[in-house]
Protein backbone atom coordinates (compact mmCIF):
# COMPACT_ATOMS: atom_id res chain seq x y z
CA MET A 1 0.00 0.00 0.00
CA LYS A 2 1.38 3.41 -1.01
CA CYS A 3 1.19 6.46 1.20
CA LEU A 4 0.55 9.71 -0.64
CA ASP A 5 2.75 12.66 0.28
CA LEU A 6 0.07 15.25 1.01
CA HIS A 7 2.60 17.82 2.17
CA SER A 8 4.20 18.02 -1.26
CA LYS A 9 0.75 18.69 -2.78
CA LYS A 10 0.06 21.59 -0.44
CA LYS A 11 3.51 23.14 -0.53
CA GLN A 12 3.60 24.57 -4.03
CA ASN A 13 6.42 26.60 -5.48
CA LEU A 14 6.20 30.39 -5.31
CA VAL A 15 6.06 30.64 -9.10
CA MET A 16 2.97 28.42 -9.13
CA ARG A 17 1.24 30.47 -6.40
CA LEU A 18 1.78 33.86 -8.04
CA PRO A 19 -0.96 33.51 -10.72
CA SER A 20 -3.59 32.75 -8.05
CA TYR A 21 -6.20 35.23 -6.88
CA GLU A 22 -5.73 34.90 -3.17
CA PRO A 23 -5.50 38.28 -1.37
CA VAL A 24 -1.83 37.82 -0.54
CA SER A 25 -0.96 37.00 -4.16
CA ILE A 26 -2.91 39.96 -5.53
CA LEU A 27 -1.32 42.33 -3.02
CA GLY A 28 2.15 40.99 -3.76
CA ARG A 29 1.71 41.46 -7.50
CA PHE A 30 0.25 44.94 -7.06
CA VAL A 31 3.19 46.09 -4.94
CA ILE A 32 5.80 44.67 -7.35
CA ILE A 33 4.16 46.09 -10.50
CA SER A 34 3.52 49.46 -8.80
CA ILE A 35 7.17 49.79 -7.82
CA ILE A 36 8.15 49.02 -11.43
CA ALA A 37 5.66 51.66 -12.68
CA VAL A 38 7.02 54.36 -10.35
CA LEU A 39 10.61 53.56 -11.26
CA VAL A 40 9.78 53.72 -14.97
CA LEU A 41 8.02 57.07 -14.50
CA HIS A 42 10.95 58.58 -12.61
CA PHE A 43 13.41 57.20 -15.16
CA ILE A 44 11.48 58.87 -17.97
CA SER A 45 11.37 62.13 -16.01
CA TYR A 46 15.12 61.96 -15.40
CA VAL A 47 16.03 61.21 -19.01
CA THR A 48 13.65 63.70 -20.66
CA LYS A 49 14.02 66.33 -17.87
CA VAL A 50 10.26 66.78 -17.72
CA PRO A 51 8.98 68.66 -15.76
CA THR A 52 11.54 71.30 -16.73
CA GLU A 53 11.32 73.21 -13.46
CA PRO A 54 13.21 71.59 -10.53
CA ASP A 55 10.54 72.50 -8.00
CA VAL A 56 7.69 71.15 -10.13
CA LYS A 57 6.71 67.55 -9.41
CA ILE A 58 5.02 64.91 -11.54
CA PRO A 59 1.26 65.24 -11.06
CA PHE A 60 -0.29 62.66 -8.74
CA ILE A 61 -2.82 61.70 -11.41
CA ILE A 62 0.05 60.54 -13.63
CA TYR A 63 1.27 58.19 -10.87
CA VAL A 64 -2.23 56.79 -10.49
CA VAL A 65 -2.72 56.31 -14.24
CA VAL A 66 0.66 54.64 -14.82
CA ILE A 67 0.33 52.35 -11.77
CA LEU A 68 -3.21 51.29 -12.72
CA ALA A 69 -2.31 50.79 -16.38
CA PHE A 70 0.76 48.68 -15.58
CA ASN A 71 -1.19 46.56 -13.11
CA ALA A 72 -4.12 46.19 -15.51
CA ALA A 73 -1.77 45.02 -18.28
CA ALA A 74 -0.17 42.46 -15.95
CA GLU A 75 -3.45 41.20 -14.49
CA LEU A 76 -5.09 40.86 -17.89
CA GLN A 77 -2.11 38.82 -19.05
CA ILE A 78 -2.40 36.59 -15.96
CA ILE A 79 -6.16 36.20 -16.46
CA LEU A 80 -5.49 35.23 -20.07
CA ASP A 81 -2.87 32.74 -18.88
CA ASN A 82 -5.33 31.11 -16.47
CA ILE A 83 -8.07 30.94 -19.12
CA LEU A 84 -5.74 29.42 -21.68
CA GLU A 85 -4.42 26.99 -19.07
CA ARG A 86 -7.95 25.63 -18.72
CA PHE A 87 -8.54 25.11 -22.42
CA LEU A 88 -4.98 24.82 -23.77
CA PRO A 89 -2.88 23.50 -20.87
CA VAL A 90 0.86 23.40 -21.34
CA PRO A 91 2.62 21.52 -22.76
CA LYS A 92 -0.35 20.45 -24.93
CA LYS A 93 -0.94 22.60 -28.03
CA ILE A 94 1.96 24.78 -26.98
CA LYS A 95 2.25 26.49 -30.39
CA LEU A 96 -1.36 27.68 -30.38
CA ARG A 97 -1.04 28.68 -26.72
CA LEU A 98 2.02 30.83 -27.38
CA PHE A 99 0.50 32.39 -30.50
CA LEU A 100 -2.67 33.46 -28.67
CA GLN A 101 -0.78 34.66 -25.61
CA VAL A 102 1.71 36.73 -27.60
CA SER A 103 -0.97 38.16 -29.89
CA VAL A 104 -3.31 39.19 -27.10
CA GLY A 105 -0.32 40.42 -25.07
CA ILE A 106 0.62 42.81 -27.87
CA LEU A 107 -2.98 44.04 -27.94
CA PHE A 108 -2.86 44.64 -24.18
CA LEU A 109 0.37 46.58 -24.60
CA TYR A 110 -1.11 48.80 -27.28
CA VAL A 111 -4.28 49.58 -25.32
CA ALA A 112 -2.35 50.26 -22.10
CA HIS A 113 0.13 52.48 -23.94
CA ARG A 114 -2.60 54.54 -25.62
CA GLY A 115 -4.39 54.91 -22.31
CA ILE A 116 -1.26 56.12 -20.54
CA MET A 117 -0.28 58.52 -23.30
CA PHE A 118 -3.79 60.03 -23.28
CA PHE A 119 -3.14 61.29 -19.74
CA VAL A 120 0.61 61.83 -19.99
CA GLU A 121 0.95 63.79 -23.23
CA PRO A 122 -0.73 66.99 -22.03
CA LYS A 123 1.36 67.15 -18.86
CA LEU A 124 4.70 65.34 -19.30
CA THR A 125 5.66 65.75 -22.92
CA LEU A 126 7.29 68.54 -24.84
CA SER A 127 7.96 68.55 -28.55
CA ASP A 128 11.50 67.27 -28.02
CA SER A 129 10.68 64.79 -25.26
CA ARG A 130 7.67 62.97 -26.67
CA SER A 131 9.70 60.19 -28.32
CA GLY A 132 11.57 59.56 -25.07
CA VAL A 133 8.34 59.33 -23.08
CA ILE A 134 6.84 56.95 -25.65
CA MET A 135 9.91 54.71 -25.67
CA GLY A 136 10.10 54.75 -21.87
CA MET A 137 6.47 53.74 -21.48
CA VAL A 138 6.75 51.05 -24.13
CA THR A 139 9.87 49.66 -22.44
CA GLY A 140 8.17 49.69 -19.06
CA LEU A 141 5.04 47.96 -20.38
CA VAL A 142 7.09 45.34 -22.19
CA PHE A 143 9.00 44.64 -18.98
CA VAL A 144 5.71 44.24 -17.08
CA GLN A 145 4.46 41.86 -19.76
CA MET A 146 7.67 39.88 -19.46
CA VAL A 147 7.10 39.60 -15.70
CA ALA A 148 3.55 38.36 -16.32
CA ASN A 149 4.67 35.98 -19.06
CA SER A 150 7.42 34.63 -16.83
CA LEU A 151 4.65 33.06 -14.76
CA THR A 152 3.59 31.08 -17.82
CA ILE A 153 7.18 30.07 -18.43
CA ALA A 154 7.51 29.06 -14.79
CA ARG A 155 4.28 27.06 -15.03
CA PHE A 156 5.50 25.34 -18.18
CA THR A 157 8.90 24.59 -16.62
CA GLN A 158 7.33 23.22 -13.45
CA LYS A 159 4.95 21.02 -15.47
CA TRP A 160 7.82 19.80 -17.63
CA PHE A 161 9.85 18.79 -14.57
CA ASP A 162 6.78 17.15 -13.02
CA SER A 163 6.06 15.24 -16.21
CA GLN A 164 9.67 14.10 -16.45
CA GLU A 165 9.53 12.92 -12.85
CA GLN A 166 6.28 11.06 -13.54
CA ILE A 167 7.77 9.47 -16.66
CA ALA A 168 10.87 8.42 -14.71
CA GLU A 169 8.70 6.94 -11.94
CA MET A 170 6.57 5.10 -14.53
CA LYS A 171 9.74 3.70 -16.10
CA ARG A 172 11.01 2.58 -12.69
CA GLU A 173 7.65 0.96 -11.93
CA LYS A 174 7.61 -0.73 -15.33
CA LEU A 175 11.13 -2.04 -14.76
CA ARG A 176 10.08 -3.42 -11.39
CA MET A 177 7.04 -5.09 -12.96
CA ASP A 178 9.10 -6.42 -15.87
CA TYR A 179 11.73 -7.77 -13.50
CA ASN A 180 9.18 -9.49 -11.27
CA SER A 181 7.40 -10.87 -14.31
CA LEU A 182 10.60 -12.27 -15.75
CA GLN A 183 11.61 -13.74 -12.42
CA ASP A 184 8.20 -15.33 -11.90
CA GLN A 185 8.49 -17.08 -15.27
CA LEU A 186 11.21 -19.26 -13.78
CA ASN A 187 9.27 -20.46 -10.78
CA PRO A 188 6.34 -22.43 -12.32
CA HIS A 189 8.66 -24.46 -14.52
CA PHE A 190 10.91 -25.18 -11.57
CA LEU A 191 7.95 -26.28 -9.44
CA PHE A 192 6.47 -28.47 -12.15
CA ASN A 193 9.74 -30.36 -12.78
CA ASN A 194 10.36 -31.11 -9.12
CA LEU A 195 6.80 -32.19 -8.39
CA SER A 196 7.05 -34.61 -11.31
CA VAL A 197 10.28 -36.03 -9.88
CA LEU A 198 8.74 -36.30 -6.42
CA LYS A 199 5.75 -38.16 -7.80
CA SER A 200 8.03 -40.73 -9.42
CA LEU A 201 10.13 -41.17 -6.27
CA ILE A 202 7.07 -41.69 -4.09
CA ILE A 203 6.02 -44.57 -6.32
CA TYR A 204 9.40 -46.23 -6.81
CA ASP A 205 11.49 -45.24 -3.76
CA PRO A 206 9.54 -43.78 -0.81
CA ASP A 207 12.62 -43.49 1.43
CA VAL A 208 14.46 -41.37 -1.12
CA ALA A 209 11.24 -39.41 -1.64
CA VAL A 210 11.31 -38.29 2.00
CA GLU A 211 14.86 -36.98 1.68
CA PHE A 212 14.00 -35.41 -1.65
CA THR A 213 11.00 -33.68 -0.07
CA GLU A 214 13.22 -32.16 2.63
CA ASN A 215 15.68 -30.86 0.06
CA PHE A 216 12.86 -29.64 -2.13
CA THR A 217 11.31 -27.77 0.80
CA ASP A 218 14.61 -26.00 1.53
CA VAL A 219 15.09 -25.14 -2.12
CA TYR A 220 11.61 -23.81 -2.71
CA ARG A 221 11.75 -21.81 0.54
CA TYR A 222 14.68 -19.96 -1.00
CA VAL A 223 12.67 -19.47 -4.20
CA LEU A 224 9.79 -17.92 -2.25
CA GLN A 225 12.08 -15.75 -0.13
CA SER A 226 13.92 -14.39 -3.15
CA ARG A 227 10.84 -13.51 -5.21
CA ASP A 228 10.70 -9.94 -3.94
CA LYS A 229 14.46 -9.44 -4.04
CA ARG A 230 16.25 -7.88 -6.96
CA LEU A 231 19.62 -9.09 -5.73
CA VAL A 232 20.93 -11.73 -3.33
CA LYS A 233 24.38 -12.50 -1.96
CA LEU A 234 26.47 -14.86 -4.06
CA GLY A 235 27.04 -17.04 -0.99
CA ASP A 236 23.28 -17.55 -0.54
CA GLU A 237 22.84 -18.29 -4.21
CA LEU A 238 25.64 -20.89 -4.12
CA ASP A 239 24.03 -22.59 -1.11
CA PHE A 240 20.80 -22.71 -3.07
CA MET A 241 22.60 -24.10 -6.13
CA LYS A 242 24.15 -26.81 -3.98
CA ALA A 243 20.73 -27.88 -2.63
CA TYR A 244 19.21 -27.63 -6.08
CA CYS A 245 21.92 -29.80 -7.61
CA ALA A 246 21.40 -32.32 -4.80
CA LEU A 247 17.82 -32.77 -5.99
CA HIS A 248 19.01 -33.59 -9.48
CA LYS A 249 21.80 -35.79 -8.13
CA GLU A 250 19.24 -37.97 -6.36
CA ARG A 251 17.36 -38.31 -9.63
CA LEU A 252 20.24 -38.61 -12.09
CA GLY A 253 22.88 -40.29 -9.92
CA GLU A 254 26.21 -40.52 -11.73
CA GLY A 255 24.71 -38.87 -14.79
CA ILE A 256 25.63 -35.44 -13.42
CA ASN A 257 28.71 -34.05 -11.67
CA VAL A 258 28.84 -30.50 -10.32
CA GLU A 259 32.10 -28.88 -9.26
CA SER A 260 32.13 -25.53 -7.43
CA LEU A 261 35.36 -23.54 -7.27
CA VAL A 262 34.29 -20.18 -5.89
CA PRO A 263 36.68 -18.34 -3.54
CA ILE A 264 35.42 -17.08 -0.19
CA ASN A 265 36.37 -13.45 -0.86
CA VAL A 266 33.59 -12.98 -3.47
CA LEU A 267 30.71 -14.50 -1.49
CA ASP A 268 29.50 -11.03 -0.46
CA LYS A 269 29.03 -9.97 -4.08
CA ASP A 270 25.48 -9.60 -5.38
CA ILE A 271 23.74 -11.56 -8.09
CA ALA A 272 20.20 -11.87 -9.44
CA PRO A 273 18.28 -14.56 -7.50
CA LEU A 274 17.70 -17.94 -9.17
CA THR A 275 20.45 -17.31 -11.71
CA GLY A 276 22.19 -20.54 -10.74
CA GLN A 277 18.96 -22.53 -10.91
CA LEU A 278 18.27 -21.32 -14.44
CA LEU A 279 21.77 -22.14 -15.71
CA ILE A 280 21.88 -25.58 -14.09
CA GLU A 281 18.41 -26.38 -15.39
CA ASN A 282 19.37 -25.15 -18.84
CA ALA A 283 22.38 -27.47 -18.91
CA ILE A 284 20.37 -30.51 -17.78
CA LYS A 285 17.50 -29.78 -20.15
CA HIS A 286 19.60 -29.70 -23.32
CA ASN A 287 22.22 -32.37 -22.66
CA ILE A 288 22.30 -36.12 -22.18
CA THR A 289 22.82 -37.16 -18.56
CA SER A 290 23.86 -40.78 -18.18
CA ARG A 291 26.50 -42.87 -16.46
CA GLU A 292 28.29 -43.37 -19.77
CA THR A 293 28.20 -39.70 -20.72
CA PRO A 294 27.78 -37.73 -17.49
CA LEU A 295 27.04 -34.04 -17.62
CA GLN A 296 30.00 -32.12 -16.20
CA ILE A 297 29.09 -28.76 -14.69
CA LYS A 298 31.71 -26.40 -13.33
CA VAL A 299 30.95 -23.27 -11.31
CA TYR A 300 33.71 -20.71 -10.76
CA VAL A 301 34.47 -16.98 -10.75
CA GLU A 302 36.42 -15.22 -13.49
CA ASP A 303 36.80 -11.50 -14.25
CA ASN A 304 34.29 -10.58 -11.53
CA SER A 305 31.70 -12.85 -13.13
CA LEU A 306 30.11 -16.09 -12.03
CA VAL A 307 30.80 -18.66 -14.72
CA VAL A 308 28.66 -21.77 -15.14
CA SER A 309 30.22 -24.08 -17.68
CA ASN A 310 28.93 -27.46 -18.81
CA SER A 311 30.06 -30.18 -21.17
CA LEU A 312 28.14 -30.52 -24.43
CA ASN A 313 26.38 -33.72 -25.37
CA ARG A 314 23.18 -32.42 -26.85
CA ARG A 315 19.94 -34.28 -26.85
CA GLU A 316 18.86 -35.09 -30.38
CA ALA A 317 15.22 -34.16 -29.79
CA SER A 318 15.83 -31.22 -27.49
CA TYR A 319 13.39 -28.44 -28.23
CA SER A 320 14.43 -24.98 -27.07
CA THR A 321 13.03 -21.50 -27.40
CA LYS A 322 15.98 -20.14 -25.39
CA THR A 323 13.43 -18.37 -23.21
CA GLY A 324 15.36 -19.00 -20.00
CA LEU A 325 18.58 -17.33 -21.11
CA LYS A 326 16.67 -14.53 -22.78
CA ASN A 327 14.83 -13.85 -19.54
CA LEU A 328 18.10 -13.85 -17.60
CA VAL A 329 19.64 -11.40 -20.08
CA ARG A 330 16.61 -9.11 -19.81
CA ARG A 331 16.70 -9.22 -16.03
CA TYR A 332 20.32 -8.11 -16.09
CA GLU A 333 19.54 -5.36 -18.57
CA ILE A 334 17.20 -3.99 -15.92
CA LEU A 335 19.74 -4.38 -13.13
CA THR A 336 22.97 -3.19 -14.71
CA GLU A 337 24.77 -2.09 -17.85
CA LYS A 338 27.10 -5.07 -17.55
CA GLU A 339 26.31 -7.78 -20.06
CA ILE A 340 25.92 -11.51 -19.73
CA VAL A 341 28.36 -13.35 -21.98
CA VAL A 342 27.41 -16.68 -23.59
CA GLN A 343 30.19 -18.70 -25.19
CA TYR A 344 30.35 -22.22 -26.56
CA ASP A 345 32.30 -24.53 -28.81
CA GLU A 346 31.99 -28.19 -29.77
CA ASN A 347 32.83 -29.37 -26.26
CA ARG A 348 31.62 -26.79 -23.75
CA PHE A 349 28.88 -24.25 -23.18
CA GLU A 350 29.41 -21.48 -20.63
CA VAL A 351 27.60 -18.43 -19.38
CA LYS A 352 29.34 -15.56 -17.59
CA VAL A 353 27.05 -13.61 -15.27
CA PRO A 354 28.52 -10.34 -13.90
CA LEU A 355 28.71 -9.99 -10.15
CA LEU A 356 27.31 -6.73 -8.82
């Protein structure tokens, strides 16, 4: 059962709270835009030297008009952003969204500029300062629009990061599901084979069947315990392989010989669970096991890899889809970038599984 992180839902980023219409957000925007408007107005007055008299101040009505116009331009842009977010949410239809937002934004700029100039021209412009006032107001309005549009950019950026995080989480979940699915494919086949052997032993040799049942219980306990594990210690896997081979030894007798030459210093390395079972089973499945031609299996470590090598004496009617090895390769593709190496010649077949 998953526990939702409610705190992360409530604690939004500042850039995502700014477009809201809560009193604090509105007040914060009004203060910021008003400061920008006043600074722009004083900058224009300083550059154009209007009013010309040092003791004459900018009329209060001009402050009011510029502040209201700047805030109206910003709020209209934010309202447009919220409306478009409902019908054209980013990043969907981003081209149409940007086209509408830029087009309407230019319209807002024009209307706000004409409104400001209607009040400003009679009081703050002279014949040689009009162009400076116009350029100053246009620059100020464009800056305000950029501030408003930055909220859209912030929204888009936040959504992009959120979507990437969701995609990454979906990929991780899919990998976990794929891994568990691939691992589970080994278990039914393993269970079926051993139950068939046990059935035969019960009929023909009940005493051996009891011992086989004890070994089988130990082996399958390991199978059940390792189902939810992505990795196990090599030492545990080797103990499992030893018990697993003992099951086959009781059935095949001298038809199979398993030699393990793994040093103690690598037993703490990690390996995918049931790797040994798959490779041993693969060797037994595709080769003749008899007293005359026993199957020789050798387990050792080489180049930081567990190597399972077996002699080749193929069954003539052995049918193989190579599903087992393919599943093992896919499991390791999920776990690591290191590759499983399969090599064979006329006499031997070996698989090198990287230790992690």
